[in-house]
Amino acid sequence: MVDEALLAALDSGHLAGTALDVFNIEPLPPDHRYWTPPGAQVTPHIAGATNPCAASPSSGSPGRLALFQTIMSKCAHGTSLGTSSLR
């Protein structure tokens, strides 16, 4: 991933949002620009460890695909990802 290209796409509005879990520099420094753009969601290598991700689709809880669809829909509509809505 080219950090500058991703940040430019976010800044220009060509990309509505992104969820980032792995970075070229680890740990991500507190002053890194990924912390500030609107539409950027940063997670500490736990993006796949939420209850919805762990649940099986047959259990009545959303699985990984449903969680991904929720995140993408929120990004497309400019809605806050708010961590409570992803549990």
C-alpha atoms as a PDB file:
ATOM      1  CA  MET A   1       0.000   0.000   0.000  1.00  0.00           C
ATOM      2  CA  VAL A   2       1.243   3.487  -0.805  1.00  0.00           C
ATOM      3  CA  ASP A   3       0.356   5.642   2.187  1.00  0.00           C
ATOM      4  CA  GLU A   4       0.513   8.917   0.283  1.00  0.00           C
ATOM      5  CA  ALA A   5      -1.830   7.652  -2.453  1.00  0.00           C
ATOM      6  CA  LEU A   6      -4.398   6.388   0.055  1.00  0.00           C
ATOM      7  CA  LEU A   7      -4.302   9.640   2.026  1.00  0.00           C
ATOM      8  CA  ALA A   8      -4.631  11.685  -1.187  1.00  0.00           C
ATOM      9  CA  ALA A   9      -7.685   9.625  -2.232  1.00  0.00           C
ATOM     10  CA  LEU A  10      -9.303  10.179   1.178  1.00  0.00           C
ATOM     11  CA  ASP A  11      -8.459  13.900   1.203  1.00  0.00           C
ATOM     12  CA  SER A  12      -9.845  14.440  -2.306  1.00  0.00           C
ATOM     13  CA  GLY A  13     -13.049  12.500  -1.675  1.00  0.00           C
ATOM     14  CA  HIS A  14     -12.274   9.898  -4.356  1.00  0.00           C
ATOM     15  CA  LEU A  15     -12.359   7.339  -1.546  1.00  0.00           C
ATOM     16  CA  ALA A  16     -15.165   7.688   1.000  1.00  0.00           C
ATOM     17  CA  GLY A  17     -13.541   5.613   3.712  1.00  0.00           C
ATOM     18  CA  THR A  18     -11.132   2.903   4.672  1.00  0.00           C
ATOM     19  CA  ALA A  19     -10.637   0.426   7.494  1.00  0.00           C
ATOM     20  CA  LEU A  20      -6.966  -0.107   8.304  1.00  0.00           C
ATOM     21  CA  ASP A  21      -5.523  -2.876  10.421  1.00  0.00           C
ATOM     22  CA  VAL A  22      -1.946  -3.350   9.120  1.00  0.00           C
ATOM     23  CA  PHE A  23       0.524  -0.565   8.385  1.00  0.00           C
ATOM     24  CA  ASN A  24       3.886  -0.007   6.710  1.00  0.00           C
ATOM     25  CA  ILE A  25       5.136   1.352  10.050  1.00  0.00           C
ATOM     26  CA  GLU A  26       4.190  -0.636  13.152  1.00  0.00           C
ATOM     27  CA  PRO A  27       3.125   0.395  15.662  1.00  0.00           C
ATOM     28  CA  LEU A  28       1.392   3.294  13.985  1.00  0.00           C
ATOM     29  CA  PRO A  29       2.880   6.496  15.468  1.00  0.00           C
ATOM     30  CA  PRO A  30       0.432   8.743  17.369  1.00  0.00           C
ATOM     31  CA  ASP A  31       1.081  11.602  14.936  1.00  0.00           C
ATOM     32  CA  HIS A  32       0.531   9.541  11.751  1.00  0.00           C
ATOM     33  CA  ARG A  33      -1.989  11.014   9.317  1.00  0.00           C
ATOM     34  CA  TYR A  34      -4.084   7.816   9.277  1.00  0.00           C
ATOM     35  CA  TRP A  35      -5.531   8.879  12.641  1.00  0.00           C
ATOM     36  CA  THR A  36      -7.105  12.072  11.264  1.00  0.00           C
ATOM     37  CA  PRO A  37      -8.860  11.735   7.858  1.00  0.00           C
ATOM     38  CA  PRO A  38     -12.640  11.564   7.887  1.00  0.00           C
ATOM     39  CA  GLY A  39     -13.750   8.091   6.911  1.00  0.00           C
ATOM     40  CA  ALA A  40     -10.617   6.363   8.208  1.00  0.00           C
ATOM     41  CA  GLN A  41     -11.072   3.646  10.816  1.00  0.00           C
ATOM     42  CA  VAL A  42      -7.891   2.370  12.492  1.00  0.00           C
ATOM     43  CA  THR A  43      -7.835  -0.888  14.451  1.00  0.00           C
ATOM     44  CA  PRO A  44      -4.959  -2.524  16.370  1.00  0.00           C
ATOM     45  CA  HIS A  45      -4.766  -5.877  14.528  1.00  0.00           C
ATOM     46  CA  ILE A  46      -8.136  -6.924  15.904  1.00  0.00           C
ATOM     47  CA  ALA A  47     -10.411  -6.129  12.960  1.00  0.00           C
ATOM     48  CA  GLY A  48     -11.383  -9.791  12.605  1.00  0.00           C
ATOM     49  CA  ALA A  49     -11.769 -10.486  16.322  1.00  0.00           C
ATOM     50  CA  THR A  50     -15.159  -8.888  16.975  1.00  0.00           C
ATOM     51  CA  ASN A  51     -18.157 -10.892  18.130  1.00  0.00           C
ATOM     52  CA  PRO A  52     -19.948 -10.542  14.752  1.00  0.00           C
ATOM     53  CA  CYS A  53     -16.878 -11.861  12.949  1.00  0.00           C
ATOM     54  CA  ALA A  54     -16.527 -14.816  15.265  1.00  0.00           C
ATOM     55  CA  ALA A  55     -20.189 -15.745  14.993  1.00  0.00           C
ATOM     56  CA  SER A  56     -21.305 -18.226  12.442  1.00  0.00           C
ATOM     57  CA  PRO A  57     -23.967 -17.031   9.982  1.00  0.00           C
ATOM     58  CA  SER A  58     -26.105 -20.008  11.022  1.00  0.00           C
ATOM     59  CA  SER A  59     -26.149 -18.820  14.659  1.00  0.00           C
ATOM     60  CA  GLY A  60     -28.379 -15.872  13.803  1.00  0.00           C
ATOM     61  CA  SER A  61     -25.519 -13.384  14.261  1.00  0.00           C
ATOM     62  CA  PRO A  62     -23.884 -11.701  11.292  1.00  0.00           C
ATOM     63  CA  GLY A  63     -20.658 -13.226  10.062  1.00  0.00           C
ATOM     64  CA  ARG A  64     -17.668 -11.640   8.358  1.00  0.00           C
ATOM     65  CA  LEU A  65     -19.498 -10.862   5.113  1.00  0.00           C
ATOM     66  CA  ALA A  66     -22.370  -9.123   6.894  1.00  0.00           C
ATOM     67  CA  LEU A  67     -19.941  -7.060   8.978  1.00  0.00           C
ATOM     68  CA  PHE A  68     -18.013  -6.074   5.839  1.00  0.00           C
ATOM     69  CA  GLN A  69     -21.274  -5.084   4.121  1.00  0.00           C
ATOM     70  CA  THR A  70     -22.278  -2.963   7.126  1.00  0.00           C
ATOM     71  CA  ILE A  71     -18.940  -1.149   7.164  1.00  0.00           C
ATOM     72  CA  MET A  72     -18.971  -0.512   3.420  1.00  0.00           C
ATOM     73  CA  SER A  73     -22.562   0.733   3.502  1.00  0.00           C
ATOM     74  CA  LYS A  74     -21.764   3.152   6.330  1.00  0.00           C
ATOM     75  CA  CYS A  75     -18.701   4.430   4.471  1.00  0.00           C
ATOM     76  CA  ALA A  76     -20.660   4.853   1.245  1.00  0.00           C
ATOM     77  CA  HIS A  77     -23.316   6.899   3.030  1.00  0.00           C
ATOM     78  CA  GLY A  78     -20.856   8.969   5.074  1.00  0.00           C
ATOM     79  CA  THR A  79     -22.162   7.495   8.313  1.00  0.00           C
ATOM     80  CA  SER A  80     -19.875   7.203  11.323  1.00  0.00           C
ATOM     81  CA  LEU A  81     -18.561   3.702  11.843  1.00  0.00           C
ATOM     82  CA  GLY A  82     -18.886   4.102  15.622  1.00  0.00           C
ATOM     83  CA  THR A  83     -17.464   1.026  17.313  1.00  0.00           C
ATOM     84  CA  SER A  84     -20.674   0.248  19.194  1.00  0.00           C
ATOM     85  CA  SER A  85     -22.533  -0.325  15.921  1.00  0.00           C
ATOM     86  CA  LEU A  86     -20.012  -2.981  14.861  1.00  0.00           C
ATOM     87  CA  ARG A  87     -20.448  -5.250  17.875  1.00  0.00           C
END
